[in-house]
C-alpha atoms as a PDB file:
ATOM      1  CA  MET A   1     -14.677 -34.772  -1.808  1.00  0.00           C
ATOM      2  CA  LYS A   2     -14.073 -31.297  -3.192  1.00  0.00           C
ATOM      3  CA  ASN A   3     -13.698 -31.007  -6.950  1.00  0.00           C
ATOM      4  CA  PRO A   4     -10.290 -29.543  -7.955  1.00  0.00           C
ATOM      5  CA  GLN A   5     -12.027 -27.582 -10.724  1.00  0.00           C
ATOM      6  CA  ASP A   6     -14.288 -25.924  -8.141  1.00  0.00           C
ATOM      7  CA  SER A   7     -11.277 -25.053  -6.000  1.00  0.00           C
ATOM      8  CA  GLU A   8      -9.565 -23.437  -8.977  1.00  0.00           C
ATOM      9  CA  ASN A   9     -12.708 -21.468  -9.813  1.00  0.00           C
ATOM     10  CA  VAL A  10     -12.878 -20.170  -6.239  1.00  0.00           C
ATOM     11  CA  GLU A  11      -9.218 -19.190  -6.449  1.00  0.00           C
ATOM     12  CA  VAL A  12      -9.793 -17.362  -9.741  1.00  0.00           C
ATOM     13  CA  LYS A  13     -12.700 -15.448  -8.195  1.00  0.00           C
ATOM     14  CA  PHE A  14     -10.575 -14.573  -5.175  1.00  0.00           C
ATOM     15  CA  VAL A  15      -7.746 -13.278  -7.367  1.00  0.00           C
ATOM     16  CA  PHE A  16     -10.157 -11.235  -9.483  1.00  0.00           C
ATOM     17  CA  CYS A  17     -11.838  -9.706  -6.410  1.00  0.00           C
ATOM     18  CA  TYR A  18      -8.468  -9.012  -4.786  1.00  0.00           C
ATOM     19  CA  SER A  19      -7.088  -7.316  -7.906  1.00  0.00           C
ATOM     20  CA  VAL A  20     -10.181  -5.165  -8.445  1.00  0.00           C
ATOM     21  CA  ILE A  21     -10.478  -4.161  -4.777  1.00  0.00           C
ATOM     22  CA  SER A  22      -6.756  -3.394  -4.623  1.00  0.00           C
ATOM     23  CA  PHE A  23      -7.017  -1.191  -7.689  1.00  0.00           C
ATOM     24  CA  LEU A  24     -10.097   0.632  -6.402  1.00  0.00           C
ATOM     25  CA  LEU A  25      -8.717   1.174  -2.898  1.00  0.00           C
ATOM     26  CA  SER A  26      -5.130   1.857  -3.951  1.00  0.00           C
ATOM     27  CA  GLY A  27      -5.001   3.023  -7.549  1.00  0.00           C
ATOM     28  CA  VAL A  28      -7.910   5.446  -7.413  1.00  0.00           C
ATOM     29  CA  LEU A  29      -6.813   6.906  -4.072  1.00  0.00           C
ATOM     30  CA  VAL A  30      -3.272   7.313  -5.392  1.00  0.00           C
ATOM     31  CA  LEU A  31      -4.535   9.129  -8.484  1.00  0.00           C
ATOM     32  CA  VAL A  32      -6.731  11.471  -6.426  1.00  0.00           C
ATOM     33  CA  PHE A  33      -3.934  12.236  -3.972  1.00  0.00           C
ATOM     34  CA  ILE A  34      -1.406  12.943  -6.735  1.00  0.00           C
ATOM     35  CA  LEU A  35      -3.835  15.246  -8.540  1.00  0.00           C
ATOM     36  CA  CYS A  36      -4.588  17.132  -5.325  1.00  0.00           C
ATOM     37  CA  GLU A  37      -1.201  17.250  -3.578  1.00  0.00           C
ATOM     38  CA  GLY A  38       1.389  16.412  -6.226  1.00  0.00           C
ATOM     39  CA  VAL A  39       3.827  13.608  -6.926  1.00  0.00           C
ATOM     40  CA  SER A  40       6.426  14.648  -4.376  1.00  0.00           C
ATOM     41  CA  ALA A  41       3.912  14.855  -1.524  1.00  0.00           C
ATOM     42  CA  PHE A  42       2.654  11.376  -2.334  1.00  0.00           C
ATOM     43  CA  GLY A  43       6.210  10.028  -2.422  1.00  0.00           C
ATOM     44  CA  VAL A  44       6.861  11.492   1.033  1.00  0.00           C
ATOM     45  CA  LEU A  45       3.604   9.960   2.258  1.00  0.00           C
ATOM     46  CA  LEU A  46       4.692   6.514   1.067  1.00  0.00           C
ATOM     47  CA  CYS A  47       7.804   6.779   3.268  1.00  0.00           C
ATOM     48  CA  SER A  48       5.902   7.743   6.432  1.00  0.00           C
ATOM     49  CA  PRO A  49       5.352   5.267   9.299  1.00  0.00           C
ATOM     50  CA  GLU A  50       1.697   6.308   9.568  1.00  0.00           C
ATOM     51  CA  PHE A  51       1.039   5.353   5.954  1.00  0.00           C
ATOM     52  CA  LEU A  52       2.751   1.978   6.378  1.00  0.00           C
ATOM     53  CA  VAL A  53       0.544   1.119   9.365  1.00  0.00           C
ATOM     54  CA  VAL A  54      -2.604   2.150   7.479  1.00  0.00           C
ATOM     55  CA  ALA A  55      -1.427   0.223   4.386  1.00  0.00           C
ATOM     56  CA  ALA A  56      -0.879  -2.929   6.480  1.00  0.00           C
ATOM     57  CA  LEU A  57      -4.405  -2.698   7.902  1.00  0.00           C
ATOM     58  CA  LEU A  58      -5.834  -1.898   4.477  1.00  0.00           C
ATOM     59  CA  GLU A  59      -4.204  -5.018   3.027  1.00  0.00           C
ATOM     60  CA  ILE A  60      -5.988  -7.136   5.631  1.00  0.00           C
ATOM     61  CA  VAL A  61      -9.273  -5.453   4.663  1.00  0.00           C
ATOM     62  CA  LYS A  62      -8.648  -6.149   0.954  1.00  0.00           C
ATOM     63  CA  VAL A  63      -7.885  -9.818   1.527  1.00  0.00           C
ATOM     64  CA  GLY A  64     -10.827 -10.141   3.928  1.00  0.00           C
ATOM     65  CA  LEU A  65     -13.294  -8.615   1.450  1.00  0.00           C
ATOM     66  CA  SER A  66     -11.968 -10.825  -1.339  1.00  0.00           C
ATOM     67  CA  LYS A  67     -12.335 -13.886   0.872  1.00  0.00           C
ATOM     68  CA  LEU A  68     -15.890 -12.899   1.778  1.00  0.00           C
ATOM     69  CA  LEU A  69     -16.914 -12.359  -1.849  1.00  0.00           C
ATOM     70  CA  SER A  70     -15.243 -15.473  -3.265  1.00  0.00           C
ATOM     71  CA  GLY A  71     -15.459 -18.013  -0.446  1.00  0.00           C
ATOM     72  CA  HIS A  72     -11.709 -18.645  -0.483  1.00  0.00           C
ATOM     73  CA  SER A  73     -10.796 -20.609   2.629  1.00  0.00           C
ATOM     74  CA  GLY A  74      -7.006 -20.460   2.613  1.00  0.00           C
ATOM     75  CA  SER A  75      -6.527 -16.711   3.121  1.00  0.00           C
ATOM     76  CA  LEU A  76      -6.458 -14.918   6.494  1.00  0.00           C
ATOM     77  CA  ARG A  77      -6.266 -18.229   8.286  1.00  0.00           C
ATOM     78  CA  LEU A  78      -4.066 -19.202  11.210  1.00  0.00           C
ATOM     79  CA  PRO A  79      -3.411 -22.960  11.522  1.00  0.00           C
ATOM     80  CA  CYS A  80      -4.894 -24.480  14.667  1.00  0.00           C
ATOM     81  CA  GLY A  81      -3.719 -27.421  16.716  1.00  0.00           C
ATOM     82  CA  PRO A  82      -5.509 -30.776  16.879  1.00  0.00           C
ATOM     83  CA  ILE A  83      -8.975 -30.910  18.405  1.00  0.00           C
ATOM     84  CA  GLN A  84      -8.521 -30.986  22.148  1.00  0.00           C
ATOM     85  CA  ASP A  85      -9.977 -33.632  24.394  1.00  0.00           C
ATOM     86  CA  THR A  86     -12.295 -31.911  26.870  1.00  0.00           C
ATOM     87  CA  LYS A  87     -12.640 -34.928  29.141  1.00  0.00           C
ATOM     88  CA  PRO A  88     -11.563 -34.356  32.745  1.00  0.00           C
ATOM     89  CA  VAL A  89      -8.041 -35.535  33.468  1.00  0.00           C
ATOM     90  CA  LYS A  90      -7.740 -38.374  35.927  1.00  0.00           C
ATOM     91  CA  GLY A  91      -4.733 -39.955  37.531  1.00  0.00           C
ATOM     92  CA  PRO A  92      -1.698 -38.762  39.470  1.00  0.00           C
ATOM     93  CA  PHE A  93      -1.039 -35.068  40.048  1.00  0.00           C
ATOM     94  CA  LEU A  94       1.981 -34.904  37.705  1.00  0.00           C
ATOM     95  CA  ARG A  95      -0.042 -36.528  34.905  1.00  0.00           C
ATOM     96  CA  LYS A  96      -2.781 -33.914  35.342  1.00  0.00           C
ATOM     97  CA  VAL A  97      -0.239 -31.084  35.221  1.00  0.00           C
ATOM     98  CA  TRP A  98       1.426 -32.525  32.123  1.00  0.00           C
ATOM     99  CA  ILE A  99      -1.820 -33.016  30.157  1.00  0.00           C
ATOM    100  CA  LYS A 100      -3.236 -29.609  31.098  1.00  0.00           C
ATOM    101  CA  GLY A 101       0.048 -27.953  30.181  1.00  0.00           C
ATOM    102  CA  TYR A 102       0.053 -29.768  26.834  1.00  0.00           C
ATOM    103  CA  ARG A 103      -3.526 -28.668  26.139  1.00  0.00           C
ATOM    104  CA  PHE A 104      -2.619 -25.068  26.988  1.00  0.00           C
ATOM    105  CA  VAL A 105       0.351 -25.093  24.600  1.00  0.00           C
ATOM    106  CA  GLU A 106      -1.847 -26.586  21.849  1.00  0.00           C
ATOM    107  CA  SER A 107      -4.375 -23.786  22.365  1.00  0.00           C
ATOM    108  CA  LEU A 108      -1.591 -21.276  21.636  1.00  0.00           C
ATOM    109  CA  THR A 109      -0.895 -22.774  18.190  1.00  0.00           C
ATOM    110  CA  PRO A 110      -2.489 -19.844  16.261  1.00  0.00           C
ATOM    111  CA  LEU A 111      -0.399 -17.349  18.236  1.00  0.00           C
ATOM    112  CA  LEU A 112       2.741 -19.368  17.554  1.00  0.00           C
ATOM    113  CA  HIS A 113       2.018 -19.308  13.822  1.00  0.00           C
ATOM    114  CA  LEU A 114       1.343 -15.567  14.037  1.00  0.00           C
ATOM    115  CA  GLY A 115       4.742 -15.090  15.660  1.00  0.00           C
ATOM    116  CA  LYS A 116       6.300 -17.225  12.934  1.00  0.00           C
ATOM    117  CA  GLY A 117       4.710 -14.992  10.304  1.00  0.00           C
ATOM    118  CA  LEU A 118       6.063 -11.863  11.983  1.00  0.00           C
ATOM    119  CA  GLY A 119       9.489 -13.481  12.032  1.00  0.00           C
ATOM    120  CA  VAL A 120       9.260 -14.204   8.300  1.00  0.00           C
ATOM    121  CA  LEU A 121       8.361 -10.552   7.683  1.00  0.00           C
ATOM    122  CA  LEU A 122      11.334  -9.415   9.763  1.00  0.00           C
ATOM    123  CA  VAL A 123      13.712 -11.678   7.846  1.00  0.00           C
ATOM    124  CA  SER A 124      12.214 -10.448   4.552  1.00  0.00           C
ATOM    125  CA  TRP A 125      12.753  -6.851   5.663  1.00  0.00           C
ATOM    126  CA  ALA A 126      16.396  -7.557   6.569  1.00  0.00           C
ATOM    127  CA  LEU A 127      17.000  -9.322   3.240  1.00  0.00           C
ATOM    128  CA  LEU A 128      15.409  -6.511   1.219  1.00  0.00           C
ATOM    129  CA  THR A 129      17.415  -3.934   3.176  1.00  0.00           C
ATOM    130  CA  TYR A 130      20.631  -5.790   2.353  1.00  0.00           C
ATOM    131  CA  ILE A 131      19.690  -6.023  -1.337  1.00  0.00           C
ATOM    132  CA  THR A 132      18.720  -2.332  -1.393  1.00  0.00           C
ATOM    133  CA  VAL A 133      22.108  -1.331   0.022  1.00  0.00           C
ATOM    134  CA  CYS A 134      23.848  -3.596  -2.498  1.00  0.00           C
ATOM    135  CA  PHE A 135      21.974  -1.756  -5.272  1.00  0.00           C
ATOM    136  CA  GLY A 136      23.329   1.598  -4.111  1.00  0.00           C
ATOM    137  CA  ALA A 137      21.242   2.854  -1.183  1.00  0.00           C
ATOM    138  CA  PRO A 138      23.150   5.115   1.272  1.00  0.00           C
ATOM    139  CA  VAL A 139      25.002   3.133   3.921  1.00  0.00           C
ATOM    140  CA  THR A 140      26.145   5.803   6.387  1.00  0.00           C
ATOM    141  CA  THR A 141      23.176   8.166   6.018  1.00  0.00           C
ATOM    142  CA  HIS A 142      19.399   8.060   5.455  1.00  0.00           C
ATOM    143  CA  TRP A 143      18.993   4.975   7.626  1.00  0.00           C
ATOM    144  CA  SER A 144      15.381   5.702   8.529  1.00  0.00           C
ATOM    145  CA  GLU A 145      14.472   6.433   4.900  1.00  0.00           C
ATOM    146  CA  THR A 146      16.031   3.161   3.751  1.00  0.00           C
ATOM    147  CA  GLY A 147      14.275   1.224   6.506  1.00  0.00           C
ATOM    148  CA  LEU A 148      10.902   2.743   5.657  1.00  0.00           C
ATOM    149  CA  PHE A 149      11.447   2.089   1.948  1.00  0.00           C
ATOM    150  CA  THR A 150      12.179  -1.598   2.532  1.00  0.00           C
ATOM    151  CA  SER A 151       9.169  -1.757   4.858  1.00  0.00           C
ATOM    152  CA  LEU A 152       7.058  -0.537   1.939  1.00  0.00           C
ATOM    153  CA  LEU A 153       8.582  -3.245  -0.262  1.00  0.00           C
ATOM    154  CA  VAL A 154       7.709  -5.881   2.338  1.00  0.00           C
ATOM    155  CA  LEU A 155       4.103  -4.636   2.409  1.00  0.00           C
ATOM    156  CA  LEU A 156       3.913  -4.912  -1.379  1.00  0.00           C
ATOM    157  CA  THR A 157       5.622  -8.302  -1.711  1.00  0.00           C
ATOM    158  CA  ALA A 158       5.956 -10.700   1.241  1.00  0.00           C
ATOM    159  CA  TYR A 159       3.042  -9.394   3.325  1.00  0.00           C
ATOM    160  CA  PRO A 160       0.252 -10.180   0.796  1.00  0.00           C
ATOM    161  CA  ILE A 161       1.732 -13.637   0.237  1.00  0.00           C
ATOM    162  CA  LEU A 162       1.607 -14.447   3.949  1.00  0.00           C
ATOM    163  CA  LEU A 163      -1.957 -13.150   4.242  1.00  0.00           C
ATOM    164  CA  CYS A 164      -3.131 -15.233   1.278  1.00  0.00           C
ATOM    165  CA  LYS A 165      -1.000 -18.374   1.645  1.00  0.00           C
ATOM    166  CA  GLY A 166      -0.471 -18.603   5.397  1.00  0.00           C
ATOM    167  CA  PRO A 167       2.043 -17.161   7.899  1.00  0.00           C
ATOM    168  CA  SER A 168       5.015 -19.364   7.111  1.00  0.00           C
ATOM    169  CA  VAL A 169       8.039 -19.483   4.867  1.00  0.00           C
ATOM    170  CA  ASP A 170       6.329 -22.246   2.871  1.00  0.00           C
ATOM    171  CA  GLY A 171       3.984 -19.661   1.353  1.00  0.00           C
ATOM    172  CA  LEU A 172       6.898 -17.541   0.138  1.00  0.00           C
ATOM    173  CA  ARG A 173       8.660 -20.618  -1.191  1.00  0.00           C
ATOM    174  CA  ALA A 174       5.542 -21.763  -3.069  1.00  0.00           C
ATOM    175  CA  VAL A 175       5.259 -18.424  -4.886  1.00  0.00           C
ATOM    176  CA  LEU A 176       8.846 -17.219  -5.300  1.00  0.00           C
ATOM    177  CA  LEU A 177      11.159 -20.222  -5.072  1.00  0.00           C
ATOM    178  CA  ARG A 178       9.505 -22.886  -7.197  1.00  0.00           C
ATOM    179  CA  ASP A 179      11.624 -25.140  -9.387  1.00  0.00           C
ATOM    180  CA  ASP A 180       9.499 -24.535 -12.488  1.00  0.00           C
ATOM    181  CA  SER A 181      11.447 -23.831 -15.633  1.00  0.00           C
ATOM    182  CA  SER A 182       9.162 -20.907 -16.528  1.00  0.00           C
ATOM    183  CA  LYS A 183       7.692 -18.703 -13.828  1.00  0.00           C
ATOM    184  CA  LEU A 184       5.444 -16.833 -16.215  1.00  0.00           C
ATOM    185  CA  SER A 185       3.848 -19.934 -17.730  1.00  0.00           C
ATOM    186  CA  GLN A 186       0.589 -21.564 -16.785  1.00  0.00           C
ATOM    187  CA  GLY A 187       2.443 -23.858 -14.368  1.00  0.00           C
ATOM    188  CA  LEU A 188       1.622 -21.636 -11.411  1.00  0.00           C
ATOM    189  CA  GLY A 189      -1.849 -21.591  -9.921  1.00  0.00           C
ATOM    190  CA  PRO A 190      -4.023 -18.469 -10.278  1.00  0.00           C
ATOM    191  CA  LEU A 191      -3.269 -17.107  -6.807  1.00  0.00           C
ATOM    192  CA  ASP A 192       0.445 -17.918  -6.971  1.00  0.00           C
ATOM    193  CA  ARG A 193       0.694 -16.292 -10.383  1.00  0.00           C
ATOM    194  CA  CYS A 194      -1.080 -13.139  -9.177  1.00  0.00           C
ATOM    195  CA  LEU A 195       1.181 -12.822  -6.125  1.00  0.00           C
ATOM    196  CA  TYR A 196       4.257 -13.509  -8.236  1.00  0.00           C
ATOM    197  CA  TYR A 197       3.327 -10.755 -10.707  1.00  0.00           C
ATOM    198  CA  LYS A 198       2.661  -8.357  -7.821  1.00  0.00           C
ATOM    199  CA  THR A 199       6.055  -9.082  -6.256  1.00  0.00           C
ATOM    200  CA  LEU A 200       7.929  -8.940  -9.558  1.00  0.00           C
ATOM    201  CA  LEU A 201       6.372  -5.681 -10.777  1.00  0.00           C
ATOM    202  CA  SER A 202       6.691  -3.974  -7.388  1.00  0.00           C
ATOM    203  CA  LEU A 203      10.405  -4.760  -7.179  1.00  0.00           C
ATOM    204  CA  ALA A 204      10.942  -3.855 -10.838  1.00  0.00           C
ATOM    205  CA  GLY A 205       9.117  -0.566 -10.318  1.00  0.00           C
ATOM    206  CA  ALA A 206      11.293   0.257  -7.313  1.00  0.00           C
ATOM    207  CA  TRP A 207      14.419  -0.486  -9.367  1.00  0.00           C
ATOM    208  CA  VAL A 208      13.255   1.657 -12.293  1.00  0.00           C
ATOM    209  CA  GLY A 209      12.373   4.416  -9.844  1.00  0.00           C
ATOM    210  CA  ALA A 210      16.050   4.792  -8.934  1.00  0.00           C
ATOM    211  CA  PHE A 211      17.062   5.896 -12.430  1.00  0.00           C
ATOM    212  CA  PRO A 212      15.854   9.535 -12.174  1.00  0.00           C
ATOM    213  CA  ILE A 213      17.701  10.205  -8.892  1.00  0.00           C
ATOM    214  CA  PRO A 214      21.118  11.176 -10.395  1.00  0.00           C
ATOM    215  CA  LEU A 215      19.626  13.129 -13.320  1.00  0.00           C
ATOM    216  CA  ASP A 216      19.748  16.937 -13.296  1.00  0.00           C
ATOM    217  CA  TRP A 217      16.023  17.543 -13.711  1.00  0.00           C
ATOM    218  CA  ASP A 218      15.842  19.523 -10.453  1.00  0.00           C
ATOM    219  CA  ARG A 219      12.606  17.885  -9.354  1.00  0.00           C
ATOM    220  CA  ASP A 220      11.695  17.689  -5.672  1.00  0.00           C
ATOM    221  CA  TRP A 221      10.865  13.972  -5.969  1.00  0.00           C
ATOM    222  CA  GLN A 222      14.399  13.108  -7.192  1.00  0.00           C
ATOM    223  CA  VAL A 223      15.643  12.302  -3.696  1.00  0.00           C
ATOM    224  CA  TRP A 224      16.145   9.002  -1.973  1.00  0.00           C
ATOM    225  CA  PRO A 225      13.849   7.089  -1.654  1.00  0.00           C
ATOM    226  CA  ILE A 226      10.833   9.022  -2.990  1.00  0.00           C
ATOM    227  CA  SER A 227      11.180   8.029  -6.648  1.00  0.00           C
ATOM    228  CA  CYS A 228      11.775   4.386  -5.708  1.00  0.00           C
ATOM    229  CA  CYS A 229       8.654   4.375  -3.527  1.00  0.00           C
ATOM    230  CA  LEU A 230       6.666   5.858  -6.391  1.00  0.00           C
ATOM    231  CA  GLY A 231       8.020   3.212  -8.760  1.00  0.00           C
ATOM    232  CA  ALA A 232       7.151   0.379  -6.354  1.00  0.00           C
ATOM    233  CA  ALA A 233       3.613   1.715  -5.899  1.00  0.00           C
ATOM    234  CA  ALA A 234       3.201   2.106  -9.662  1.00  0.00           C
ATOM    235  CA  GLY A 235       4.396  -1.470 -10.234  1.00  0.00           C
ATOM    236  CA  SER A 236       1.913  -2.784  -7.676  1.00  0.00           C
ATOM    237  CA  ILE A 237      -0.958  -0.884  -9.316  1.00  0.00           C
ATOM    238  CA  VAL A 238       0.023  -2.222 -12.748  1.00  0.00           C
ATOM    239  CA  ALA A 239       0.039  -5.748 -11.295  1.00  0.00           C
ATOM    240  CA  ASN A 240      -3.492  -5.192  -9.964  1.00  0.00           C
ATOM    241  CA  VAL A 241      -4.696  -4.010 -13.377  1.00  0.00           C
ATOM    242  CA  VAL A 242      -3.046  -6.975 -15.121  1.00  0.00           C
ATOM    243  CA  GLY A 243      -4.499  -9.378 -12.566  1.00  0.00           C
ATOM    244  CA  ALA A 244      -8.009  -7.968 -12.899  1.00  0.00           C
ATOM    245  CA  ALA A 245      -7.866  -8.087 -16.710  1.00  0.00           C
ATOM    246  CA  ASN A 246      -6.274 -11.529 -16.800  1.00  0.00           C
ATOM    247  CA  PHE A 247      -8.506 -13.305 -14.337  1.00  0.00           C
ATOM    248  CA  SER A 248     -11.714 -11.609 -15.430  1.00  0.00           C
ATOM    249  CA  LYS A 249     -11.334 -13.607 -18.655  1.00  0.00           C
ATOM    250  CA  ALA A 250     -10.663 -16.791 -16.696  1.00  0.00           C
ATOM    251  CA  ASN A 251     -13.669 -16.095 -14.486  1.00  0.00           C
ATOM    252  CA  LEU A 252     -15.862 -15.558 -17.558  1.00  0.00           C
ATOM    253  CA  VAL A 253     -14.666 -18.801 -19.133  1.00  0.00           C
ATOM    254  CA  SER A 254     -15.310 -20.790 -15.947  1.00  0.00           C
ATOM    255  CA  SER A 255     -18.808 -19.279 -15.691  1.00  0.00           C
ATOM    256  CA  LYS A 256     -19.577 -20.315 -19.272  1.00  0.00           C
ATOM    257  CA  ARG A 257     -18.378 -23.849 -18.591  1.00  0.00           C
ATOM    258  CA  LYS A 258     -20.602 -23.994 -15.570  1.00  0.00           C
ATOM    259  CA  TYR A 259     -23.765 -23.351 -17.564  1.00  0.00           C
ATOM    260  CA  VAL A 260     -22.863 -25.306 -20.712  1.00  0.00           C
END
């Protein structure tokens, strides 16, 4: 039987690796791009479909590397059906057809869960689009910009949760919709707390990013939704730094306990 303390240590290592890798692959690249091309160019890049596709693939790489380094078993995992009976089917023709059809459907269980995960992402995108419009995004114009902005929010919030917790709404509910009285307390597990911080700071950064838009600073990045994309990216990077600093201490403490 697996020790719960060992499971928590593995989760802490996974969170630490994920935060550090995310910062190195995202934060450093963002800094280099901004220094070379400027803030406005990076904001435009964040709203491009090509960047969103690359970011989605890069997130899989980050979670995969973290899983490889930490041994975390719950991430990047599609649930499978029960172990199939490989014995030859005997009996009437209709019985053979029924059992073989059932086995075929069971073999498609991972694909069904993958489709469920894509559906959760689509619903998350629609919900974030509705909330974005309620917060003042253009309704009759800039449809593509608003859609790409909410796609970026999904990649920074719901997408990592589904990759780490499983492709179902239960993963989102475990991180975002718990009944705990204090979200920021130690009640959440290490991974849930990391994903919660990432979601919270990304959304808060996007909200703060909207403040400069109506100001008369005459900057080229003060257009919808460039500043909001920059704020969301900045919030995600801050969450990675906080996660790396937070869980490096926890990892150090667990290592000391191991050798005491």
